[in-house]
N, C-alpha and C. Protein backbone atom coordinates (compact mmCIF):
# COMPACT_ATOMS: atom_id res chain seq x y z
N UNK A 1 -42.83 2.63 12.71
CA UNK A 1 -42.12 3.90 12.65
C UNK A 1 -42.39 4.80 13.87
N UNK A 2 -41.15 5.23 14.35
CA UNK A 2 -41.37 6.14 15.60
C UNK A 2 -40.79 7.61 15.18
N UNK A 3 -41.65 8.31 15.59
CA UNK A 3 -41.32 9.91 15.29
C UNK A 3 -41.04 10.55 16.66
N UNK A 4 -39.88 11.25 16.69
CA UNK A 4 -39.69 12.04 17.99
C UNK A 4 -39.42 13.52 17.51
N UNK A 5 -40.02 14.50 17.98
CA UNK A 5 -39.95 15.76 17.57
C UNK A 5 -39.79 16.00 16.00
N UNK A 6 -40.52 15.27 15.37
CA UNK A 6 -40.45 15.47 13.79
C UNK A 6 -39.30 14.81 13.23
N UNK A 7 -38.43 14.05 13.80
CA UNK A 7 -37.54 13.19 13.26
C UNK A 7 -37.77 11.74 13.15
N UNK A 8 -37.24 11.27 12.04
CA UNK A 8 -37.48 9.74 11.89
C UNK A 8 -36.12 9.20 12.36
N UNK A 9 -35.90 8.72 13.46
CA UNK A 9 -34.73 8.35 14.12
C UNK A 9 -33.98 7.03 13.31
N UNK A 10 -34.85 6.29 12.65
CA UNK A 10 -34.03 5.15 12.09
C UNK A 10 -33.31 5.60 10.88
N UNK A 11 -33.78 6.55 10.02
CA UNK A 11 -33.07 7.08 9.00
C UNK A 11 -31.92 8.00 9.28
N UNK A 12 -32.18 8.76 10.43
CA UNK A 12 -31.10 9.68 11.03
C UNK A 12 -29.98 8.90 11.37
N UNK A 13 -30.17 7.69 12.06
CA UNK A 13 -29.14 6.97 12.47
C UNK A 13 -28.39 6.25 11.48
N UNK A 14 -29.03 5.90 10.40
CA UNK A 14 -28.29 5.37 9.07
C UNK A 14 -27.37 6.41 8.55
N UNK A 15 -27.97 7.67 8.44
CA UNK A 15 -26.98 8.75 7.87
C UNK A 15 -25.65 8.92 8.68
N UNK A 16 -25.86 8.86 10.03
CA UNK A 16 -24.80 9.04 10.84
C UNK A 16 -23.73 7.83 10.59
N UNK A 17 -24.22 6.52 10.56
CA UNK A 17 -23.43 5.54 10.12
C UNK A 17 -22.79 5.64 8.78
N UNK A 18 -23.46 6.27 7.90
CA UNK A 18 -22.83 6.50 6.46
C UNK A 18 -21.72 7.48 6.45
N UNK A 19 -22.09 8.58 7.24
CA UNK A 19 -20.96 9.52 7.37
C UNK A 19 -19.63 9.05 8.12
N UNK A 20 -19.93 8.25 9.12
CA UNK A 20 -18.74 7.69 9.81
C UNK A 20 -17.97 6.74 8.95
N UNK A 21 -18.50 5.80 8.27
CA UNK A 21 -17.94 4.99 7.36
C UNK A 21 -17.18 5.90 6.34
N UNK A 22 -17.83 6.85 5.73
CA UNK A 22 -17.16 7.69 4.90
C UNK A 22 -15.85 8.33 5.32
N UNK A 23 -15.90 8.80 6.53
CA UNK A 23 -14.77 9.52 7.09
C UNK A 23 -13.64 8.58 7.39
N UNK A 24 -13.90 7.36 7.91
CA UNK A 24 -13.02 6.27 8.23
C UNK A 24 -12.32 5.95 6.75
N UNK A 25 -13.15 5.79 5.63
CA UNK A 25 -12.59 5.59 4.25
C UNK A 25 -11.71 6.58 3.98
N UNK A 26 -11.83 7.75 4.09
CA UNK A 26 -11.09 8.92 3.56
C UNK A 26 -9.79 8.84 4.47
N UNK A 27 -9.83 8.71 5.73
CA UNK A 27 -8.70 8.91 6.52
C UNK A 27 -7.73 7.71 6.58
N UNK A 28 -8.35 6.54 6.51
CA UNK A 28 -7.47 5.37 6.95
C UNK A 28 -7.18 4.63 5.52
N UNK A 29 -7.88 4.56 4.51
CA UNK A 29 -7.65 3.71 3.34
C UNK A 29 -6.26 4.18 2.68
N UNK A 30 -5.95 5.60 2.53
CA UNK A 30 -4.76 6.00 1.83
C UNK A 30 -3.50 5.38 2.64
N UNK A 31 -3.41 4.96 3.91
CA UNK A 31 -2.28 4.44 4.70
C UNK A 31 -2.16 3.01 4.48
N UNK A 32 -2.96 2.37 3.57
CA UNK A 32 -2.61 1.01 3.51
C UNK A 32 -3.89 0.06 3.89
N UNK A 33 -4.01 -1.03 3.27
CA UNK A 33 -5.02 -2.04 3.59
C UNK A 33 -4.32 -3.20 4.24
N UNK A 34 -4.98 -3.93 5.08
CA UNK A 34 -4.46 -5.14 5.75
C UNK A 34 -4.04 -6.15 4.57
N UNK A 35 -2.80 -6.65 4.56
CA UNK A 35 -2.42 -7.73 3.60
C UNK A 35 -1.61 -6.98 2.35
N UNK A 36 -1.78 -5.63 2.32
CA UNK A 36 -1.03 -4.83 1.26
C UNK A 36 0.42 -5.00 1.57
N UNK A 37 1.36 -5.17 0.37
CA UNK A 37 2.73 -5.13 0.59
C UNK A 37 3.24 -3.72 0.74
N UNK A 38 3.72 -3.40 1.76
CA UNK A 38 4.13 -2.00 1.96
C UNK A 38 5.58 -1.95 1.93
N UNK A 39 6.38 -3.02 1.63
CA UNK A 39 7.94 -3.06 1.50
C UNK A 39 8.20 -2.43 0.05
N UNK A 40 9.11 -1.47 0.19
CA UNK A 40 9.66 -0.97 -0.95
C UNK A 40 10.82 -1.78 -1.57
N UNK A 41 10.87 -1.90 -2.93
CA UNK A 41 11.86 -2.66 -3.56
C UNK A 41 13.17 -1.90 -3.62
N UNK A 42 14.33 -2.35 -3.20
CA UNK A 42 15.64 -1.76 -3.48
C UNK A 42 16.25 -2.03 -4.69
N UNK A 43 17.30 -1.33 -5.14
CA UNK A 43 18.11 -1.57 -6.38
C UNK A 43 18.48 -3.02 -6.42
N UNK A 44 18.91 -3.65 -5.31
CA UNK A 44 19.50 -5.08 -5.44
C UNK A 44 18.22 -6.08 -5.73
N UNK A 45 17.03 -5.78 -5.12
CA UNK A 45 15.86 -6.54 -5.31
C UNK A 45 15.48 -6.54 -6.83
N UNK A 46 15.39 -5.43 -7.40
CA UNK A 46 15.14 -5.13 -8.71
C UNK A 46 16.17 -5.88 -9.85
N UNK A 47 17.34 -5.78 -9.32
CA UNK A 47 18.42 -6.60 -10.03
C UNK A 47 18.32 -7.85 -10.11
N UNK A 48 17.97 -8.55 -8.90
CA UNK A 48 17.64 -9.89 -8.85
C UNK A 48 16.47 -10.41 -9.64
N UNK A 49 15.48 -9.65 -9.68
CA UNK A 49 14.27 -9.93 -10.39
C UNK A 49 14.57 -10.00 -11.92
N UNK A 50 15.41 -9.02 -12.34
CA UNK A 50 15.70 -8.87 -13.66
C UNK A 50 16.62 -10.09 -14.12
N UNK A 51 17.61 -10.48 -13.31
CA UNK A 51 18.41 -11.72 -13.66
C UNK A 51 17.53 -13.02 -13.68
N UNK A 52 16.53 -13.01 -12.73
CA UNK A 52 15.74 -14.15 -12.74
C UNK A 52 14.90 -14.35 -14.00
N UNK A 53 14.53 -13.14 -14.54
CA UNK A 53 13.60 -13.05 -15.63
C UNK A 53 14.41 -13.38 -16.90
N UNK A 54 15.78 -13.33 -16.78
CA UNK A 54 16.66 -13.45 -17.97
C UNK A 54 16.87 -12.10 -18.64
N UNK A 55 16.59 -11.09 -18.10
CA UNK A 55 16.66 -9.87 -18.93
C UNK A 55 18.18 -9.50 -18.94
N UNK A 56 19.04 -9.92 -18.03
CA UNK A 56 20.36 -9.49 -18.02
C UNK A 56 21.16 -10.90 -17.98
N UNK A 57 22.55 -10.74 -18.47
CA UNK A 57 23.24 -12.06 -18.18
C UNK A 57 23.90 -12.03 -16.87
N UNK A 58 24.58 -13.28 -16.64
CA UNK A 58 25.22 -13.45 -15.39
C UNK A 58 26.40 -12.24 -15.12
N UNK A 59 27.07 -12.03 -16.14
CA UNK A 59 28.14 -10.98 -16.05
C UNK A 59 27.74 -9.76 -15.64
N UNK A 60 26.49 -9.31 -16.46
CA UNK A 60 25.91 -8.01 -16.09
C UNK A 60 25.33 -7.98 -14.59
N UNK A 61 24.80 -9.27 -14.21
CA UNK A 61 24.28 -9.09 -12.91
C UNK A 61 25.41 -9.02 -11.81
N UNK A 62 26.55 -9.77 -12.05
CA UNK A 62 27.70 -9.70 -11.23
C UNK A 62 28.20 -8.52 -11.11
N UNK A 63 28.41 -7.76 -12.26
CA UNK A 63 29.06 -6.34 -12.22
C UNK A 63 28.20 -5.47 -11.61
N UNK A 64 26.81 -5.44 -11.81
CA UNK A 64 25.88 -4.57 -11.22
C UNK A 64 25.93 -4.75 -9.75
N UNK A 65 25.90 -6.00 -9.37
CA UNK A 65 25.86 -6.41 -7.85
C UNK A 65 26.90 -5.75 -7.09
N UNK A 66 28.12 -5.99 -7.82
CA UNK A 66 29.35 -5.55 -7.10
C UNK A 66 29.34 -3.94 -7.10
N UNK A 67 28.87 -3.41 -8.07
CA UNK A 67 28.70 -1.86 -8.10
C UNK A 67 27.78 -1.40 -7.03
N UNK A 68 26.64 -2.02 -6.79
CA UNK A 68 25.66 -1.61 -5.78
C UNK A 68 26.23 -2.04 -4.39
N UNK A 69 26.92 -3.16 -4.23
CA UNK A 69 27.52 -3.40 -2.82
C UNK A 69 28.63 -2.50 -2.62
N UNK A 70 29.39 -1.96 -3.54
CA UNK A 70 30.43 -1.11 -3.14
C UNK A 70 29.75 0.41 -2.75
N UNK A 71 28.67 0.65 -3.31
CA UNK A 71 27.96 2.06 -2.87
C UNK A 71 27.52 1.84 -1.42
N UNK A 72 27.14 0.66 -1.01
CA UNK A 72 26.65 0.59 0.24
C UNK A 72 27.71 0.51 1.53
N UNK A 73 28.96 0.31 0.99
CA UNK A 73 30.15 0.42 1.75
C UNK A 73 30.49 1.79 2.14
N UNK A 74 30.77 2.05 3.44
CA UNK A 74 31.27 3.52 3.93
C UNK A 74 32.70 3.73 3.39
């Protein structure tokens, strides 16, 4: 154990590391983690998933797809 001016440097160093990790966690974790899917699903993607699950019929799918595609056209 080494004391320098009344401080135990080993524990002081550990507290600095804890604070740095805590600050990194606060500021960087909300922006996403590596490997996290950040892509937002669009209406057409949701429609395709519903059709694949069998929640809507082929006619409903085609009608909704045409409606969504016509909204995207200028």
